[in-house]
PDB file of N, CA and C in Angstrom:
ATOM      1  N   MET A   1       7.621  13.432   0.347  1.00  0.00           N
ATOM      2  CA  MET A   1       7.976  11.895   0.215  1.00  0.00           C
ATOM      3  C   MET A   1       9.028  11.778  -1.118  1.00  0.00           C
ATOM      4  N   ARG A   2       9.772  11.281  -0.597  1.00  0.00           N
ATOM      5  CA  ARG A   2      11.184  10.833  -1.575  1.00  0.00           C
ATOM      6  C   ARG A   2      10.633   9.667  -2.490  1.00  0.00           C
ATOM      7  N   ALA A   3      11.003   9.944  -3.520  1.00  0.00           N
ATOM      8  CA  ALA A   3      11.133   8.758  -4.641  1.00  0.00           C
ATOM      9  C   ALA A   3      11.240   7.767  -4.516  1.00  0.00           C
ATOM     10  N   GLY A   4      10.957   6.416  -4.674  1.00  0.00           N
ATOM     11  CA  GLY A   4      11.390   5.550  -4.158  1.00  0.00           C
ATOM     12  C   GLY A   4      10.847   5.135  -2.789  1.00  0.00           C
ATOM     13  N   ASN A   5      10.300   5.926  -2.021  1.00  0.00           N
ATOM     14  CA  ASN A   5       9.429   4.850  -0.948  1.00  0.00           C
ATOM     15  C   ASN A   5       8.146   4.516  -1.478  1.00  0.00           C
ATOM     16  N   ILE A   6       7.679   4.488  -1.855  1.00  0.00           N
ATOM     17  CA  ILE A   6       6.214   3.824  -2.455  1.00  0.00           C
ATOM     18  C   ILE A   6       6.285   3.129  -3.268  1.00  0.00           C
ATOM     19  N   VAL A   7       5.409   2.400  -3.585  1.00  0.00           N
ATOM     20  CA  VAL A   7       5.258   2.122  -4.747  1.00  0.00           C
ATOM     21  C   VAL A   7       3.267   2.015  -5.219  1.00  0.00           C
ATOM     22  N   VAL A   8       3.130   2.561  -6.442  1.00  0.00           N
ATOM     23  CA  VAL A   8       1.779   2.862  -6.289  1.00  0.00           C
ATOM     24  C   VAL A   8       1.044   2.196  -7.666  1.00  0.00           C
ATOM     25  N   GLY A   9      -0.181   1.633  -6.881  1.00  0.00           N
ATOM     26  CA  GLY A   9      -0.897   1.104  -7.981  1.00  0.00           C
ATOM     27  C   GLY A   9      -0.962  -0.323  -7.509  1.00  0.00           C
ATOM     28  N   VAL A  10      -2.132  -1.226  -7.818  1.00  0.00           N
ATOM     29  CA  VAL A  10      -2.573  -2.696  -7.360  1.00  0.00           C
ATOM     30  C   VAL A  10      -1.496  -3.687  -8.402  1.00  0.00           C
ATOM     31  N   ALA A  11      -0.946  -3.379  -9.401  1.00  0.00           N
ATOM     32  CA  ALA A  11      -0.128  -3.953 -10.168  1.00  0.00           C
ATOM     33  C   ALA A  11       1.212  -4.104  -9.502  1.00  0.00           C
ATOM     34  N   GLY A  12       1.231  -2.569  -9.558  1.00  0.00           N
ATOM     35  CA  GLY A  12       2.831  -2.663  -8.991  1.00  0.00           C
ATOM     36  C   GLY A  12       3.267  -2.872  -7.421  1.00  0.00           C
ATOM     37  N   VAL A  13       2.156  -2.692  -6.550  1.00  0.00           N
ATOM     38  CA  VAL A  13       2.124  -3.151  -5.414  1.00  0.00           C
ATOM     39  C   VAL A  13       2.646  -4.646  -5.140  1.00  0.00           C
ATOM     40  N   ARG A  14       1.296  -5.539  -5.929  1.00  0.00           N
ATOM     41  CA  ARG A  14       1.580  -6.739  -5.979  1.00  0.00           C
ATOM     42  C   ARG A  14       2.933  -7.314  -6.521  1.00  0.00           C
ATOM     43  N   ALA A  15       3.511  -6.914  -7.965  1.00  0.00           N
ATOM     44  CA  ALA A  15       4.757  -6.674  -8.168  1.00  0.00           C
ATOM     45  C   ALA A  15       5.923  -6.639  -6.936  1.00  0.00           C
ATOM     46  N   ALA A  16       5.606  -5.733  -6.281  1.00  0.00           N
ATOM     47  CA  ALA A  16       6.498  -5.163  -5.187  1.00  0.00           C
ATOM     48  C   ALA A  16       6.559  -6.444  -4.261  1.00  0.00           C
ATOM     49  N   LEU A  17       5.965  -6.972  -3.795  1.00  0.00           N
ATOM     50  CA  LEU A  17       5.293  -7.580  -3.188  1.00  0.00           C
ATOM     51  C   LEU A  17       5.633  -9.389  -3.428  1.00  0.00           C
ATOM     52  N   GLN A  18       5.577  -9.644  -4.193  1.00  0.00           N
ATOM     53  CA  GLN A  18       6.827 -10.676  -4.844  1.00  0.00           C
ATOM     54  C   GLN A  18       8.088 -10.881  -4.846  1.00  0.00           C
ATOM     55  N   GLY A  19       8.449  -9.417  -5.101  1.00  0.00           N
ATOM     56  CA  GLY A  19       9.804  -8.908  -4.962  1.00  0.00           C
ATOM     57  C   GLY A  19      10.891  -9.054  -3.889  1.00  0.00           C
ATOM     58  N   SER A  20       9.627  -9.156  -2.502  1.00  0.00           N
ATOM     59  CA  SER A  20       9.862  -8.743  -1.161  1.00  0.00           C
ATOM     60  C   SER A  20      10.417  -6.857  -0.977  1.00  0.00           C
ATOM     61  N   THR A  21       9.780  -6.433  -1.732  1.00  0.00           N
ATOM     62  CA  THR A  21      10.648  -4.754  -1.484  1.00  0.00           C
ATOM     63  C   THR A  21       9.756  -3.860  -0.847  1.00  0.00           C
ATOM     64  N   VAL A  22       8.807  -4.379  -0.513  1.00  0.00           N
ATOM     65  CA  VAL A  22       7.254  -3.668   0.479  1.00  0.00           C
ATOM     66  C   VAL A  22       7.119  -3.802   1.944  1.00  0.00           C
ATOM     67  N   VAL A  23       7.566  -3.372   2.586  1.00  0.00           N
ATOM     68  CA  VAL A  23       6.944  -3.468   3.964  1.00  0.00           C
ATOM     69  C   VAL A  23       6.262  -3.508   5.106  1.00  0.00           C
ATOM     70  N   CYS A  24       5.487  -2.552   3.862  1.00  0.00           N
ATOM     71  CA  CYS A  24       3.959  -2.172   4.578  1.00  0.00           C
ATOM     72  C   CYS A  24       2.839  -1.595   3.081  1.00  0.00           C
ATOM     73  N   VAL A  25       1.629  -2.383   3.718  1.00  0.00           N
ATOM     74  CA  VAL A  25       0.561  -1.967   2.207  1.00  0.00           C
ATOM     75  C   VAL A  25      -0.530  -0.609   2.485  1.00  0.00           C
ATOM     76  N   VAL A  26      -1.272   0.083   1.894  1.00  0.00           N
ATOM     77  CA  VAL A  26      -2.173   0.640   2.465  1.00  0.00           C
ATOM     78  C   VAL A  26      -3.181   0.433   1.569  1.00  0.00           C
ATOM     79  N   LEU A  27      -4.130   0.108   1.741  1.00  0.00           N
ATOM     80  CA  LEU A  27      -5.304  -0.160   1.284  1.00  0.00           C
ATOM     81  C   LEU A  27      -6.369   0.720   1.184  1.00  0.00           C
ATOM     82  N   ALA A  28      -7.195   1.453  -0.605  1.00  0.00           N
ATOM     83  CA  ALA A  28      -7.656   2.519   0.143  1.00  0.00           C
ATOM     84  C   ALA A  28      -9.257   1.453   0.775  1.00  0.00           C
ATOM     85  N   GLN A  29      -9.625   2.379   1.667  1.00  0.00           N
ATOM     86  CA  GLN A  29     -11.131   2.208   2.303  1.00  0.00           C
ATOM     87  C   GLN A  29     -11.882   1.453   1.282  1.00  0.00           C
ATOM     88  N   ASP A  30     -12.493   2.183   0.083  1.00  0.00           N
ATOM     89  CA  ASP A  30     -13.440   1.712  -1.054  1.00  0.00           C
ATOM     90  C   ASP A  30     -12.555   1.029  -2.036  1.00  0.00           C
ATOM     91  N   ALA A  31     -11.773   0.112  -1.729  1.00  0.00           N
ATOM     92  CA  ALA A  31     -11.059  -0.792  -3.093  1.00  0.00           C
ATOM     93  C   ALA A  31     -11.599  -1.736  -2.682  1.00  0.00           C
ATOM     94  N   SER A  32     -11.862  -2.310  -4.120  1.00  0.00           N
ATOM     95  CA  SER A  32     -12.796  -3.510  -4.809  1.00  0.00           C
ATOM     96  C   SER A  32     -12.305  -4.503  -3.800  1.00  0.00           C
ATOM     97  N   GLN A  33     -13.412  -5.318  -3.988  1.00  0.00           N
ATOM     98  CA  GLN A  33     -13.092  -6.439  -2.878  1.00  0.00           C
ATOM     99  C   GLN A  33     -12.015  -7.594  -3.571  1.00  0.00           C
ATOM    100  N   ARG A  34     -11.908  -7.421  -5.290  1.00  0.00           N
ATOM    101  CA  ARG A  34     -11.017  -8.301  -5.642  1.00  0.00           C
ATOM    102  C   ARG A  34      -9.632  -8.101  -5.358  1.00  0.00           C
ATOM    103  N   THR A  35      -9.395  -6.368  -5.333  1.00  0.00           N
ATOM    104  CA  THR A  35      -8.254  -5.884  -5.382  1.00  0.00           C
ATOM    105  C   THR A  35      -7.887  -6.167  -4.170  1.00  0.00           C
ATOM    106  N   VAL A  36      -8.468  -5.979  -2.731  1.00  0.00           N
ATOM    107  CA  VAL A  36      -8.232  -6.552  -1.356  1.00  0.00           C
ATOM    108  C   VAL A  36      -7.602  -8.006  -1.230  1.00  0.00           C
ATOM    109  N   GLU A  37      -8.094  -8.548  -1.957  1.00  0.00           N
ATOM    110  CA  GLU A  37      -8.050 -10.308  -1.829  1.00  0.00           C
ATOM    111  C   GLU A  37      -7.054 -10.290  -2.900  1.00  0.00           C
ATOM    112  N   LYS A  38      -6.376  -9.898  -4.076  1.00  0.00           N
ATOM    113  CA  LYS A  38      -5.248 -10.219  -4.507  1.00  0.00           C
ATOM    114  C   LYS A  38      -3.809  -9.863  -3.528  1.00  0.00           C
ATOM    115  N   VAL A  39      -4.394  -8.179  -3.191  1.00  0.00           N
ATOM    116  CA  VAL A  39      -2.909  -7.669  -2.162  1.00  0.00           C
ATOM    117  C   VAL A  39      -3.079  -8.305  -0.927  1.00  0.00           C
ATOM    118  N   GLU A  40      -4.079  -8.051  -0.182  1.00  0.00           N
ATOM    119  CA  GLU A  40      -4.161  -8.573   1.087  1.00  0.00           C
ATOM    120  C   GLU A  40      -3.377 -10.345   0.972  1.00  0.00           C
ATOM    121  N   ARG A  41      -3.810 -11.340   0.402  1.00  0.00           N
ATOM    122  CA  ARG A  41      -3.086 -13.025   0.443  1.00  0.00           C
ATOM    123  C   ARG A  41      -1.794 -12.291   0.061  1.00  0.00           C
ATOM    124  N   LEU A  42      -1.200 -11.786  -0.677  1.00  0.00           N
ATOM    125  CA  LEU A  42       0.285 -11.785  -1.189  1.00  0.00           C
ATOM    126  C   LEU A  42       0.977 -11.142   0.188  1.00  0.00           C
ATOM    127  N   ALA A  43       0.435 -10.208   0.608  1.00  0.00           N
ATOM    128  CA  ALA A  43       0.929  -9.381   1.735  1.00  0.00           C
ATOM    129  C   ALA A  43       1.244  -9.886   3.441  1.00  0.00           C
ATOM    130  N   VAL A  44      -0.317 -10.813   3.494  1.00  0.00           N
ATOM    131  CA  VAL A  44      -0.691 -11.600   4.768  1.00  0.00           C
ATOM    132  C   VAL A  44       0.907 -12.786   4.357  1.00  0.00           C
ATOM    133  N   ALA A  45       1.189 -13.613   3.294  1.00  0.00           N
ATOM    134  CA  ALA A  45       1.602 -14.638   3.019  1.00  0.00           C
ATOM    135  C   ALA A  45       3.480 -14.030   3.119  1.00  0.00           C
ATOM    136  N   ARG A  46       3.376 -12.818   2.985  1.00  0.00           N
ATOM    137  CA  ARG A  46       4.767 -12.343   3.456  1.00  0.00           C
ATOM    138  C   ARG A  46       4.667 -12.041   4.653  1.00  0.00           C
ATOM    139  N   ARG A  47       3.825 -11.651   4.874  1.00  0.00           N
ATOM    140  CA  ARG A  47       3.656 -10.914   7.245  1.00  0.00           C
ATOM    141  C   ARG A  47       3.851  -9.789   6.900  1.00  0.00           C
ATOM    142  N   ILE A  48       3.512  -9.153   5.977  1.00  0.00           N
ATOM    143  CA  ILE A  48       3.636  -7.655   5.646  1.00  0.00           C
ATOM    144  C   ILE A  48       2.252  -7.272   6.272  1.00  0.00           C
ATOM    145  N   PRO A  49       2.321  -5.912   6.897  1.00  0.00           N
ATOM    146  CA  PRO A  49       1.193  -5.323   7.411  1.00  0.00           C
ATOM    147  C   PRO A  49       0.258  -4.765   6.250  1.00  0.00           C
ATOM    148  N   VAL A  50      -0.788  -4.800   6.797  1.00  0.00           N
ATOM    149  CA  VAL A  50      -1.760  -4.308   5.645  1.00  0.00           C
ATOM    150  C   VAL A  50      -2.610  -3.185   6.429  1.00  0.00           C
ATOM    151  N   LEU A  51      -2.812  -1.835   5.891  1.00  0.00           N
ATOM    152  CA  LEU A  51      -3.222  -0.994   6.775  1.00  0.00           C
ATOM    153  C   LEU A  51      -4.763  -0.278   5.573  1.00  0.00           C
ATOM    154  N   ARG A  52      -5.553  -0.268   6.084  1.00  0.00           N
ATOM    155  CA  ARG A  52      -6.944   0.657   5.698  1.00  0.00           C
ATOM    156  C   ARG A  52      -6.807   2.565   5.755  1.00  0.00           C
ATOM    157  N   GLY A  53      -6.570   2.870   4.756  1.00  0.00           N
ATOM    158  CA  GLY A  53      -6.521   4.427   4.348  1.00  0.00           C
ATOM    159  C   GLY A  53      -7.717   4.668   4.055  1.00  0.00           C
ATOM    160  N   PRO A  54      -7.326   6.142   3.741  1.00  0.00           N
ATOM    161  CA  PRO A  54      -8.548   6.951   3.105  1.00  0.00           C
ATOM    162  C   PRO A  54      -9.452   6.435   1.982  1.00  0.00           C
ATOM    163  N   ALA A  55     -10.309   6.775   1.319  1.00  0.00           N
ATOM    164  CA  ALA A  55     -11.263   6.330   0.167  1.00  0.00           C
ATOM    165  C   ALA A  55      -9.726   7.017  -1.031  1.00  0.00           C
ATOM    166  N   ALA A  56     -10.039   6.183  -2.000  1.00  0.00           N
ATOM    167  CA  ALA A  56      -8.808   5.939  -3.013  1.00  0.00           C
ATOM    168  C   ALA A  56      -8.993   7.659  -4.086  1.00  0.00           C
ATOM    169  N   GLU A  57      -9.630   8.421  -4.392  1.00  0.00           N
ATOM    170  CA  GLU A  57      -9.333  10.008  -4.470  1.00  0.00           C
ATOM    171  C   GLU A  57      -8.885  10.428  -3.699  1.00  0.00           C
ATOM    172  N   GLN A  58      -8.564  10.075  -2.316  1.00  0.00           N
ATOM    173  CA  GLN A  58      -7.940  10.909  -1.160  1.00  0.00           C
ATOM    174  C   GLN A  58      -6.744  10.223  -0.968  1.00  0.00           C
ATOM    175  N   LEU A  59      -6.814   9.127  -1.025  1.00  0.00           N
ATOM    176  CA  LEU A  59      -5.173   8.194  -1.541  1.00  0.00           C
ATOM    177  C   LEU A  59      -4.681   8.884  -2.517  1.00  0.00           C
ATOM    178  N   GLY A  60      -4.901   9.124  -3.558  1.00  0.00           N
ATOM    179  CA  GLY A  60      -4.161   9.382  -4.621  1.00  0.00           C
ATOM    180  C   GLY A  60      -4.073  11.067  -4.353  1.00  0.00           C
ATOM    181  N   ALA A  61      -5.126  12.014  -4.158  1.00  0.00           N
ATOM    182  CA  ALA A  61      -5.079  13.496  -4.262  1.00  0.00           C
ATOM    183  C   ALA A  61      -4.027  13.653  -2.935  1.00  0.00           C
ATOM    184  N   GLY A  62      -3.556  12.597  -2.260  1.00  0.00           N
ATOM    185  CA  GLY A  62      -2.320  12.804  -1.113  1.00  0.00           C
ATOM    186  C   GLY A  62      -1.056  12.588  -1.807  1.00  0.00           C
ATOM    187  N   LEU A  63      -1.132  11.761  -3.077  1.00  0.00           N
ATOM    188  CA  LEU A  63      -0.170  11.505  -4.147  1.00  0.00           C
ATOM    189  C   LEU A  63      -0.099  12.465  -5.378  1.00  0.00           C
ATOM    190  N   GLY A  64      -0.715  13.006  -5.442  1.00  0.00           N
ATOM    191  CA  GLY A  64      -0.620  13.836  -6.575  1.00  0.00           C
ATOM    192  C   GLY A  64      -0.950  13.250  -7.560  1.00  0.00           C
ATOM    193  N   ARG A  65      -1.917  12.115  -7.450  1.00  0.00           N
ATOM    194  CA  ARG A  65      -2.322  10.830  -8.806  1.00  0.00           C
ATOM    195  C   ARG A  65      -3.918  10.877  -8.629  1.00  0.00           C
ATOM    196  N   PRO A  66      -4.288  10.511  -9.638  1.00  0.00           N
ATOM    197  CA  PRO A  66      -5.285  10.130  -9.727  1.00  0.00           C
ATOM    198  C   PRO A  66      -6.229   9.113  -8.694  1.00  0.00           C
ATOM    199  N   PRO A  67      -7.310   8.744  -8.662  1.00  0.00           N
ATOM    200  CA  PRO A  67      -7.360   7.579  -7.248  1.00  0.00           C
ATOM    201  C   PRO A  67      -6.732   6.360  -7.332  1.00  0.00           C
ATOM    202  N   VAL A  68      -6.401   6.002  -6.289  1.00  0.00           N
ATOM    203  CA  VAL A  68      -5.196   5.130  -5.952  1.00  0.00           C
ATOM    204  C   VAL A  68      -6.059   3.923  -4.975  1.00  0.00           C
ATOM    205  N   GLN A  69      -5.823   2.495  -5.232  1.00  0.00           N
ATOM    206  CA  GLN A  69      -6.641   1.811  -4.968  1.00  0.00           C
ATOM    207  C   GLN A  69      -5.290   1.402  -3.447  1.00  0.00           C
ATOM    208  N   ALA A  70      -4.290   1.141  -3.552  1.00  0.00           N
ATOM    209  CA  ALA A  70      -3.408   0.347  -2.775  1.00  0.00           C
ATOM    210  C   ALA A  70      -1.904   0.871  -3.240  1.00  0.00           C
ATOM    211  N   VAL A  71      -0.812   1.177  -2.192  1.00  0.00           N
ATOM    212  CA  VAL A  71       0.299   1.688  -2.346  1.00  0.00           C
ATOM    213  C   VAL A  71       1.344   0.594  -1.217  1.00  0.00           C
ATOM    214  N   GLY A  72       2.439   0.478  -2.005  1.00  0.00           N
ATOM    215  CA  GLY A  72       2.995  -0.044  -0.724  1.00  0.00           C
ATOM    216  C   GLY A  72       4.431   0.571  -0.512  1.00  0.00           C
ATOM    217  N   VAL A  73       4.648   0.576   0.791  1.00  0.00           N
ATOM    218  CA  VAL A  73       5.663   1.392   1.215  1.00  0.00           C
ATOM    219  C   VAL A  73       6.908   0.661   1.313  1.00  0.00           C
ATOM    220  N   THR A  74       7.916   1.342   0.813  1.00  0.00           N
ATOM    221  CA  THR A  74       9.280   0.347   0.616  1.00  0.00           C
ATOM    222  C   THR A  74      10.476   0.974   1.727  1.00  0.00           C
ATOM    223  N   ASP A  75      10.158   1.974   2.455  1.00  0.00           N
ATOM    224  CA  ASP A  75      11.045   2.765   3.163  1.00  0.00           C
ATOM    225  C   ASP A  75      10.455   1.895   4.984  1.00  0.00           C
ATOM    226  N   PRO A  76      11.172   1.412   5.318  1.00  0.00           N
ATOM    227  CA  PRO A  76      10.999   1.028   6.894  1.00  0.00           C
ATOM    228  C   PRO A  76      10.563   2.044   7.788  1.00  0.00           C
ATOM    229  N   ALA A  77      11.344   3.172   7.908  1.00  0.00           N
ATOM    230  CA  ALA A  77      11.301   4.223   8.827  1.00  0.00           C
ATOM    231  C   ALA A  77       9.684   4.946   8.569  1.00  0.00           C
ATOM    232  N   LEU A  78       9.123   4.855   7.117  1.00  0.00           N
ATOM    233  CA  LEU A  78       8.256   5.285   6.937  1.00  0.00           C
ATOM    234  C   LEU A  78       7.227   4.676   7.447  1.00  0.00           C
ATOM    235  N   ALA A  79       7.348   3.571   7.335  1.00  0.00           N
ATOM    236  CA  ALA A  79       6.233   1.927   7.404  1.00  0.00           C
ATOM    237  C   ALA A  79       6.124   2.226   9.361  1.00  0.00           C
ATOM    238  N   ARG A  80       7.282   2.388   9.630  1.00  0.00           N
ATOM    239  CA  ARG A  80       6.925   2.212  11.332  1.00  0.00           C
ATOM    240  C   ARG A  80       6.478   3.487  11.393  1.00  0.00           C
ATOM    241  N   GLY A  81       6.242   4.466  10.864  1.00  0.00           N
ATOM    242  CA  GLY A  81       5.569   5.668  11.157  1.00  0.00           C
ATOM    243  C   GLY A  81       4.029   5.142  11.258  1.00  0.00           C
ATOM    244  N   LEU A  82       3.621   4.484  10.197  1.00  0.00           N
ATOM    245  CA  LEU A  82       2.360   4.511   9.587  1.00  0.00           C
ATOM    246  C   LEU A  82       1.314   3.251  10.318  1.00  0.00           C
ATOM    247  N   THR A  83       2.429   2.359  10.802  1.00  0.00           N
ATOM    248  CA  THR A  83       2.031   1.414  11.739  1.00  0.00           C
ATOM    249  C   THR A  83       1.827   1.852  12.792  1.00  0.00           C
ATOM    250  N   ALA A  84       2.409   2.598  13.783  1.00  0.00           N
ATOM    251  CA  ALA A  84       2.593   2.742  15.106  1.00  0.00           C
ATOM    252  C   ALA A  84       1.252   3.113  15.732  1.00  0.00           C
ATOM    253  N   ASP A  85       1.135   2.341  17.021  1.00  0.00           N
ATOM    254  CA  ASP A  85       0.161   2.385  17.195  1.00  0.00           C
ATOM    255  C   ASP A  85       0.236   4.739  18.100  1.00  0.00           C
ATOM    256  N   GLY A  86      -1.101   4.993  17.373  1.00  0.00           N
ATOM    257  CA  GLY A  86      -1.111   6.659  17.695  1.00  0.00           C
ATOM    258  C   GLY A  86      -2.134   7.156  18.436  1.00  0.00           C
TER     259      GLY A  86
END
């Protein structure tokens, strides 16, 4: 995955949503209710798809990071791949 295709972490995802740079959001399956509410509300208001991913530990591990509750996807092609019915 190239740098610049994703934004990692709740604060970064919220900022990117406010700046309209995110085209899709992935929330960890075990994200806290507060995180879900904060991120999902912004995403829904901007009509950005929200997907539930694996647990935070697995999501972070897939990105070479510690546990991650939220990831924003900024690359439209990558977002299409994630949201495609499969």
